[in-house]
Protein backbone atom coordinates (compact mmCIF):
# COMPACT_ATOMS: atom_id res chain seq x y z
CA MET A 1 6.20 -16.60 25.71
CA ILE A 2 5.40 -20.06 24.88
CA THR A 3 7.29 -23.01 26.49
CA VAL A 4 7.14 -26.69 26.75
CA GLU A 5 5.86 -26.28 30.45
CA THR A 6 2.99 -23.72 29.07
CA LEU A 7 1.84 -26.22 26.67
CA HIS A 8 -0.32 -29.23 27.12
CA PRO A 9 0.49 -31.63 24.63
CA GLN A 10 -0.71 -35.18 24.15
CA TYR A 11 1.61 -37.47 22.59
CA ILE A 12 0.85 -40.31 20.07
CA LYS A 13 3.01 -43.25 20.23
CA SER A 14 4.39 -45.53 17.29
CA PRO A 15 4.00 -49.35 17.02
CA LYS A 16 7.46 -49.31 18.37
CA GLY A 17 6.18 -47.30 21.34
CA GLU A 18 8.32 -43.85 20.33
CA ASP A 19 6.88 -40.49 20.52
CA SER A 20 5.57 -40.15 16.98
CA LEU A 21 2.61 -37.10 17.20
CA VAL A 22 1.76 -34.42 19.20
CA ILE A 23 -1.81 -33.21 19.75
CA LEU A 24 -2.38 -29.66 21.36
CA PRO A 25 -5.49 -27.79 22.31
CA ILE A 26 -6.33 -25.48 19.33
CA LYS A 27 -6.09 -22.47 21.50
CA GLU A 28 -2.33 -23.19 22.25
CA PHE A 29 -1.57 -24.22 18.62
CA ASN A 30 -3.20 -20.71 17.31
CA ARG A 31 -1.01 -18.95 20.03
CA LEU A 32 2.00 -21.24 18.37
CA ILE A 33 1.21 -19.98 14.70
CA GLU A 34 0.77 -16.25 15.94
CA ASP A 35 4.05 -16.15 17.52
CA TYR A 36 5.93 -17.91 14.45
CA ASN A 37 4.19 -15.28 12.01
CA ASP A 38 5.55 -12.62 14.37
CA LEU A 39 8.75 -13.69 14.32
CA ILE A 40 8.65 -13.85 10.45
CA VAL A 41 7.63 -10.28 10.33
CA ILE A 42 10.32 -9.39 12.64
CA GLU A 43 12.99 -10.98 10.38
CA ASP A 44 11.53 -9.04 7.15
CA ARG A 45 11.62 -5.83 8.96
CA ARG A 46 15.14 -6.09 9.84
CA LYS A 47 15.83 -5.77 6.32
CA GLU A 48 14.07 -2.64 5.57
CA GLU A 49 15.68 0.50 5.45
CA LYS A 50 15.72 2.62 8.79
CA ILE A 51 14.39 5.84 8.92
CA SER A 52 14.60 8.78 11.62
CA LEU A 53 11.95 9.77 14.01
CA GLN A 54 12.11 13.04 12.59
CA ASP A 55 11.48 11.79 9.12
CA LEU A 56 8.62 9.51 10.10
CA LYS A 57 7.10 12.45 11.64
CA GLN A 58 7.25 14.27 8.44
CA ASN A 59 6.11 11.51 6.42
CA LEU A 60 3.12 11.06 8.48
CA SER A 61 2.25 14.65 8.64
CA THR A 62 2.62 14.99 4.76
CA SER A 63 0.23 12.07 4.48
CA ASN A 64 -2.31 13.04 6.75
CA ASN A 65 -2.68 16.44 4.54
CA VAL A 66 -3.53 14.36 1.37
């Protein structure tokens, strides 16, 4: 899991001295994007119809014979 403590951000200040931008190493940025995409998939799959393990096995065995 990515946390603020595991990231290595660099902050860019505005002319007023406030943090306005963050720069991350590309590997950390890519990990954040992967995690975000995983969360989207998880949310989408929550809406899918549930099937039993027995039905899944049956569907897989049927599809392997095609």
